[in-house]
PDB file of N, CA and C in Angstrom:
ATOM      1  N   MET A   1      35.149 -14.265  23.772  1.00  0.00           N
ATOM      2  CA  MET A   1      34.600 -12.886  23.440  1.00  0.00           C
ATOM      3  C   MET A   1      34.266 -12.840  21.935  1.00  0.00           C
ATOM      4  N   ILE A   2      35.050 -13.620  21.140  1.00  0.00           N
ATOM      5  CA  ILE A   2      34.919 -13.593  19.700  1.00  0.00           C
ATOM      6  C   ILE A   2      33.544 -14.131  19.246  1.00  0.00           C
ATOM      7  N   ALA A   3      33.179 -15.247  19.991  1.00  0.00           N
ATOM      8  CA  ALA A   3      31.837 -15.892  19.699  1.00  0.00           C
ATOM      9  C   ALA A   3      30.732 -14.972  19.900  1.00  0.00           C
ATOM     10  N   VAL A   4      30.806 -14.063  20.966  1.00  0.00           N
ATOM     11  CA  VAL A   4      29.779 -13.163  21.317  1.00  0.00           C
ATOM     12  C   VAL A   4      29.643 -12.168  20.215  1.00  0.00           C
ATOM     13  N   ARG A   5      30.830 -11.668  19.759  1.00  0.00           N
ATOM     14  CA  ARG A   5      30.961 -10.684  18.788  1.00  0.00           C
ATOM     15  C   ARG A   5      30.301 -11.196  17.436  1.00  0.00           C
ATOM     16  N   ASP A   6      30.692 -12.460  17.190  1.00  0.00           N
ATOM     17  CA  ASP A   6      30.130 -13.046  15.947  1.00  0.00           C
ATOM     18  C   ASP A   6      28.594 -13.134  15.979  1.00  0.00           C
ATOM     19  N   LEU A   7      28.063 -13.560  17.186  1.00  0.00           N
ATOM     20  CA  LEU A   7      26.679 -13.581  17.327  1.00  0.00           C
ATOM     21  C   LEU A   7      26.071 -12.289  17.148  1.00  0.00           C
ATOM     22  N   LEU A   8      26.585 -11.283  17.758  1.00  0.00           N
ATOM     23  CA  LEU A   8      26.054  -9.911  17.543  1.00  0.00           C
ATOM     24  C   LEU A   8      26.101  -9.392  16.152  1.00  0.00           C
ATOM     25  N   ILE A   9      27.213  -9.697  15.325  1.00  0.00           N
ATOM     26  CA  ILE A   9      27.170  -9.315  14.014  1.00  0.00           C
ATOM     27  C   ILE A   9      26.138 -10.110  13.162  1.00  0.00           C
ATOM     28  N   ARG A  10      25.980 -11.419  13.355  1.00  0.00           N
ATOM     29  CA  ARG A  10      24.902 -12.033  12.610  1.00  0.00           C
ATOM     30  C   ARG A  10      23.658 -11.458  12.954  1.00  0.00           C
ATOM     31  N   GLY A  11      23.384 -11.168  14.149  1.00  0.00           N
ATOM     32  CA  GLY A  11      21.984 -10.571  14.582  1.00  0.00           C
ATOM     33  C   GLY A  11      21.790  -9.323  13.939  1.00  0.00           C
ATOM     34  N   SER A  12      22.797  -8.431  13.923  1.00  0.00           N
ATOM     35  CA  SER A  12      22.783  -7.052  13.284  1.00  0.00           C
ATOM     36  C   SER A  12      22.497  -7.297  11.863  1.00  0.00           C
ATOM     37  N   GLU A  13      23.125  -8.089  11.203  1.00  0.00           N
ATOM     38  CA  GLU A  13      23.029  -8.296   9.768  1.00  0.00           C
ATOM     39  C   GLU A  13      21.496  -8.766   9.458  1.00  0.00           C
ATOM     40  N   LYS A  14      20.889  -9.657  10.299  1.00  0.00           N
ATOM     41  CA  LYS A  14      19.565  -9.887  10.059  1.00  0.00           C
ATOM     42  C   LYS A  14      18.588  -8.805  10.352  1.00  0.00           C
ATOM     43  N   VAL A  15      18.814  -7.975  11.316  1.00  0.00           N
ATOM     44  CA  VAL A  15      18.006  -6.799  11.701  1.00  0.00           C
ATOM     45  C   VAL A  15      18.113  -5.804  10.461  1.00  0.00           C
ATOM     46  N   LEU A  16      19.303  -5.601   9.982  1.00  0.00           N
ATOM     47  CA  LEU A  16      19.460  -4.714   8.863  1.00  0.00           C
ATOM     48  C   LEU A  16      18.724  -5.223   7.553  1.00  0.00           C
ATOM     49  N   ALA A  17      18.737  -6.440   7.330  1.00  0.00           N
ATOM     50  CA  ALA A  17      17.981  -7.153   6.255  1.00  0.00           C
ATOM     51  C   ALA A  17      16.536  -6.968   6.287  1.00  0.00           C
ATOM     52  N   HIS A  18      15.978  -6.990   7.571  1.00  0.00           N
ATOM     53  CA  HIS A  18      14.562  -6.830   7.742  1.00  0.00           C
ATOM     54  C   HIS A  18      14.174  -5.421   7.556  1.00  0.00           C
ATOM     55  N   TYR A  19      15.064  -4.419   8.026  1.00  0.00           N
ATOM     56  CA  TYR A  19      14.791  -3.023   7.791  1.00  0.00           C
ATOM     57  C   TYR A  19      14.830  -2.673   6.334  1.00  0.00           C
ATOM     58  N   ARG A  20      15.759  -3.329   5.559  1.00  0.00           N
ATOM     59  CA  ARG A  20      15.715  -3.088   4.134  1.00  0.00           C
ATOM     60  C   ARG A  20      14.443  -3.634   3.382  1.00  0.00           C
ATOM     61  N   LEU A  21      14.021  -4.694   3.925  1.00  0.00           N
ATOM     62  CA  LEU A  21      12.731  -5.244   3.373  1.00  0.00           C
ATOM     63  C   LEU A  21      11.559  -4.239   3.742  1.00  0.00           C
ATOM     64  N   LEU A  22      11.521  -3.824   4.925  1.00  0.00           N
ATOM     65  CA  LEU A  22      10.421  -2.948   5.344  1.00  0.00           C
ATOM     66  C   LEU A  22      10.622  -1.539   4.629  1.00  0.00           C
ATOM     67  N   LEU A  23      11.828  -1.133   4.390  1.00  0.00           N
ATOM     68  CA  LEU A  23      12.000   0.130   3.625  1.00  0.00           C
ATOM     69  C   LEU A  23      11.460  -0.036   2.174  1.00  0.00           C
ATOM     70  N   ALA A  24      11.758  -1.133   1.591  1.00  0.00           N
ATOM     71  CA  ALA A  24      11.308  -1.356   0.187  1.00  0.00           C
ATOM     72  C   ALA A  24       9.776  -1.443   0.083  1.00  0.00           C
ATOM     73  N   SER A  25       9.051  -1.842   1.152  1.00  0.00           N
ATOM     74  CA  SER A  25       7.726  -2.083   1.045  1.00  0.00           C
ATOM     75  C   SER A  25       6.965  -0.969   1.805  1.00  0.00           C
ATOM     76  N   ALA A  26       7.583   0.158   2.359  1.00  0.00           N
ATOM     77  CA  ALA A  26       6.920   1.139   3.044  1.00  0.00           C
ATOM     78  C   ALA A  26       6.002   1.899   2.090  1.00  0.00           C
ATOM     79  N   LYS A  27       4.830   2.227   2.610  1.00  0.00           N
ATOM     80  CA  LYS A  27       3.819   2.867   1.774  1.00  0.00           C
ATOM     81  C   LYS A  27       3.761   4.375   1.842  1.00  0.00           C
ATOM     82  N   THR A  28       4.368   4.879   2.929  1.00  0.00           N
ATOM     83  CA  THR A  28       4.340   6.352   3.265  1.00  0.00           C
ATOM     84  C   THR A  28       5.725   6.924   3.307  1.00  0.00           C
ATOM     85  N   GLU A  29       5.914   8.226   3.175  1.00  0.00           N
ATOM     86  CA  GLU A  29       7.119   8.920   3.288  1.00  0.00           C
ATOM     87  C   GLU A  29       7.674   8.765   4.733  1.00  0.00           C
ATOM     88  N   LYS A  30       6.701   8.943   5.649  1.00  0.00           N
ATOM     89  CA  LYS A  30       7.005   8.766   7.000  1.00  0.00           C
ATOM     90  C   LYS A  30       7.688   7.394   7.373  1.00  0.00           C
ATOM     91  N   GLY A  31       7.032   6.349   6.732  1.00  0.00           N
ATOM     92  CA  GLY A  31       7.544   5.025   7.009  1.00  0.00           C
ATOM     93  C   GLY A  31       8.853   4.803   6.383  1.00  0.00           C
ATOM     94  N   ARG A  32       9.116   5.287   5.067  1.00  0.00           N
ATOM     95  CA  ARG A  32      10.410   5.234   4.493  1.00  0.00           C
ATOM     96  C   ARG A  32      11.450   5.959   5.318  1.00  0.00           C
ATOM     97  N   ASP A  33      11.112   7.102   5.774  1.00  0.00           N
ATOM     98  CA  ASP A  33      12.110   7.845   6.600  1.00  0.00           C
ATOM     99  C   ASP A  33      12.474   7.146   7.914  1.00  0.00           C
ATOM    100  N   LEU A  34      11.497   6.512   8.523  1.00  0.00           N
ATOM    101  CA  LEU A  34      11.704   5.655   9.820  1.00  0.00           C
ATOM    102  C   LEU A  34      12.608   4.466   9.597  1.00  0.00           C
ATOM    103  N   TYR A  35      12.278   3.718   8.483  1.00  0.00           N
ATOM    104  CA  TYR A  35      13.086   2.594   8.204  1.00  0.00           C
ATOM    105  C   TYR A  35      14.390   2.921   7.673  1.00  0.00           C
ATOM    106  N   LEU A  36      14.625   4.028   6.909  1.00  0.00           N
ATOM    107  CA  LEU A  36      15.885   4.472   6.481  1.00  0.00           C
ATOM    108  C   LEU A  36      16.748   4.892   7.673  1.00  0.00           C
ATOM    109  N   SER A  37      16.242   5.654   8.646  1.00  0.00           N
ATOM    110  CA  SER A  37      17.002   6.118   9.775  1.00  0.00           C
ATOM    111  C   SER A  37      17.385   4.844  10.641  1.00  0.00           C
ATOM    112  N   ARG A  38      16.463   3.930  10.774  1.00  0.00           N
ATOM    113  CA  ARG A  38      16.820   2.739  11.548  1.00  0.00           C
ATOM    114  C   ARG A  38      17.782   1.884  10.818  1.00  0.00           C
ATOM    115  N   SER A  39      17.698   1.802   9.506  1.00  0.00           N
ATOM    116  CA  SER A  39      18.724   1.033   8.762  1.00  0.00           C
ATOM    117  C   SER A  39      20.167   1.676   8.843  1.00  0.00           C
ATOM    118  N   GLU A  40      20.186   2.968   8.733  1.00  0.00           N
ATOM    119  CA  GLU A  40      21.438   3.656   8.793  1.00  0.00           C
ATOM    120  C   GLU A  40      22.071   3.430  10.268  1.00  0.00           C
ATOM    121  N   ARG A  41      21.255   3.480  11.184  1.00  0.00           N
ATOM    122  CA  ARG A  41      21.702   3.360  12.731  1.00  0.00           C
ATOM    123  C   ARG A  41      22.278   1.873  12.762  1.00  0.00           C
ATOM    124  N   GLU A  42      21.553   0.939  12.354  1.00  0.00           N
ATOM    125  CA  GLU A  42      21.931  -0.518  12.402  1.00  0.00           C
ATOM    126  C   GLU A  42      23.272  -0.752  11.696  1.00  0.00           C
ATOM    127  N   GLN A  43      23.368   0.051  10.539  1.00  0.00           N
ATOM    128  CA  GLN A  43      24.553  -0.247   9.669  1.00  0.00           C
ATOM    129  C   GLN A  43      25.826   0.387  10.453  1.00  0.00           C
ATOM    130  N   ARG A  44      25.589   1.550  11.081  1.00  0.00           N
ATOM    131  CA  ARG A  44      26.715   2.055  11.851  1.00  0.00           C
ATOM    132  C   ARG A  44      27.105   1.171  13.005  1.00  0.00           C
ATOM    133  N   LEU A  45      26.071   0.556  13.733  1.00  0.00           N
ATOM    134  CA  LEU A  45      26.487  -0.398  14.740  1.00  0.00           C
ATOM    135  C   LEU A  45      27.125  -1.697  14.166  1.00  0.00           C
ATOM    136  N   LEU A  46      26.686  -2.143  13.158  1.00  0.00           N
ATOM    137  CA  LEU A  46      27.373  -3.316  12.472  1.00  0.00           C
ATOM    138  C   LEU A  46      28.777  -2.956  12.051  1.00  0.00           C
ATOM    139  N   ASP A  47      29.059  -1.724  11.527  1.00  0.00           N
ATOM    140  CA  ASP A  47      30.341  -1.272  11.105  1.00  0.00           C
ATOM    141  C   ASP A  47      31.272  -1.292  12.384  1.00  0.00           C
ATOM    142  N   GLN A  48      30.771  -0.830  13.499  1.00  0.00           N
ATOM    143  CA  GLN A  48      31.471  -0.790  14.725  1.00  0.00           C
ATOM    144  C   GLN A  48      31.865  -2.239  15.238  1.00  0.00           C
ATOM    145  N   LEU A  49      30.909  -3.142  15.154  1.00  0.00           N
ATOM    146  CA  LEU A  49      31.129  -4.513  15.562  1.00  0.00           C
ATOM    147  C   LEU A  49      32.189  -5.075  14.645  1.00  0.00           C
ATOM    148  N   GLN A  50      32.111  -4.893  13.479  1.00  0.00           N
ATOM    149  CA  GLN A  50      33.046  -5.533  12.454  1.00  0.00           C
ATOM    150  C   GLN A  50      34.418  -4.900  12.614  1.00  0.00           C
ATOM    151  N   GLY A  51      34.494  -3.761  13.172  1.00  0.00           N
ATOM    152  CA  GLY A  51      35.833  -3.093  13.424  1.00  0.00           C
ATOM    153  C   GLY A  51      36.599  -3.671  14.691  1.00  0.00           C
ATOM    154  N   GLY A  52      35.903  -4.369  15.524  1.00  0.00           N
ATOM    155  CA  GLY A  52      36.411  -4.907  16.712  1.00  0.00           C
ATOM    156  C   GLY A  52      35.896  -4.352  17.901  1.00  0.00           C
ATOM    157  N   LEU A  53      36.268  -4.940  19.009  1.00  0.00           N
ATOM    158  CA  LEU A  53      35.929  -4.473  20.322  1.00  0.00           C
ATOM    159  C   LEU A  53      36.937  -3.549  20.811  1.00  0.00           C
ATOM    160  N   PRO A  54      36.427  -2.545  21.639  1.00  0.00           N
ATOM    161  CA  PRO A  54      37.374  -1.604  22.287  1.00  0.00           C
ATOM    162  C   PRO A  54      38.366  -2.340  23.174  1.00  0.00           C
ATOM    163  N   GLY A  55      39.577  -1.882  23.324  1.00  0.00           N
ATOM    164  CA  GLY A  55      40.573  -2.504  24.065  1.00  0.00           C
ATOM    165  C   GLY A  55      40.126  -2.834  25.530  1.00  0.00           C
ATOM    166  N   TRP A  56      39.404  -1.914  26.094  1.00  0.00           N
ATOM    167  CA  TRP A  56      38.912  -2.165  27.616  1.00  0.00           C
ATOM    168  C   TRP A  56      37.903  -3.259  27.722  1.00  0.00           C
ATOM    169  N   ILE A  57      37.286  -3.629  26.691  1.00  0.00           N
ATOM    170  CA  ILE A  57      36.311  -4.741  26.689  1.00  0.00           C
ATOM    171  C   ILE A  57      37.175  -6.161  26.469  1.00  0.00           C
ATOM    172  N   ALA A  58      38.049  -6.148  25.516  1.00  0.00           N
ATOM    173  CA  ALA A  58      38.821  -7.438  25.249  1.00  0.00           C
ATOM    174  C   ALA A  58      39.762  -7.706  26.333  1.00  0.00           C
ATOM    175  N   ALA A  59      40.222  -6.746  27.159  1.00  0.00           N
ATOM    176  CA  ALA A  59      41.213  -7.033  28.146  1.00  0.00           C
ATOM    177  C   ALA A  59      40.565  -7.892  29.265  1.00  0.00           C
TER     178      ALA A  59
END
């Protein structure tokens, strides 16, 4: 289960890096808002993954 979690963490970090690049190059306010919200959501998911899996999954 640890290997799957590590894979998900690496993938989430890559997605987050791409959103940050897109945010930096956004040309409109709407684009910036979109990438910022997606980036924040991905960061929350990454934080959850790094915090560990719920007990019912690990069992």
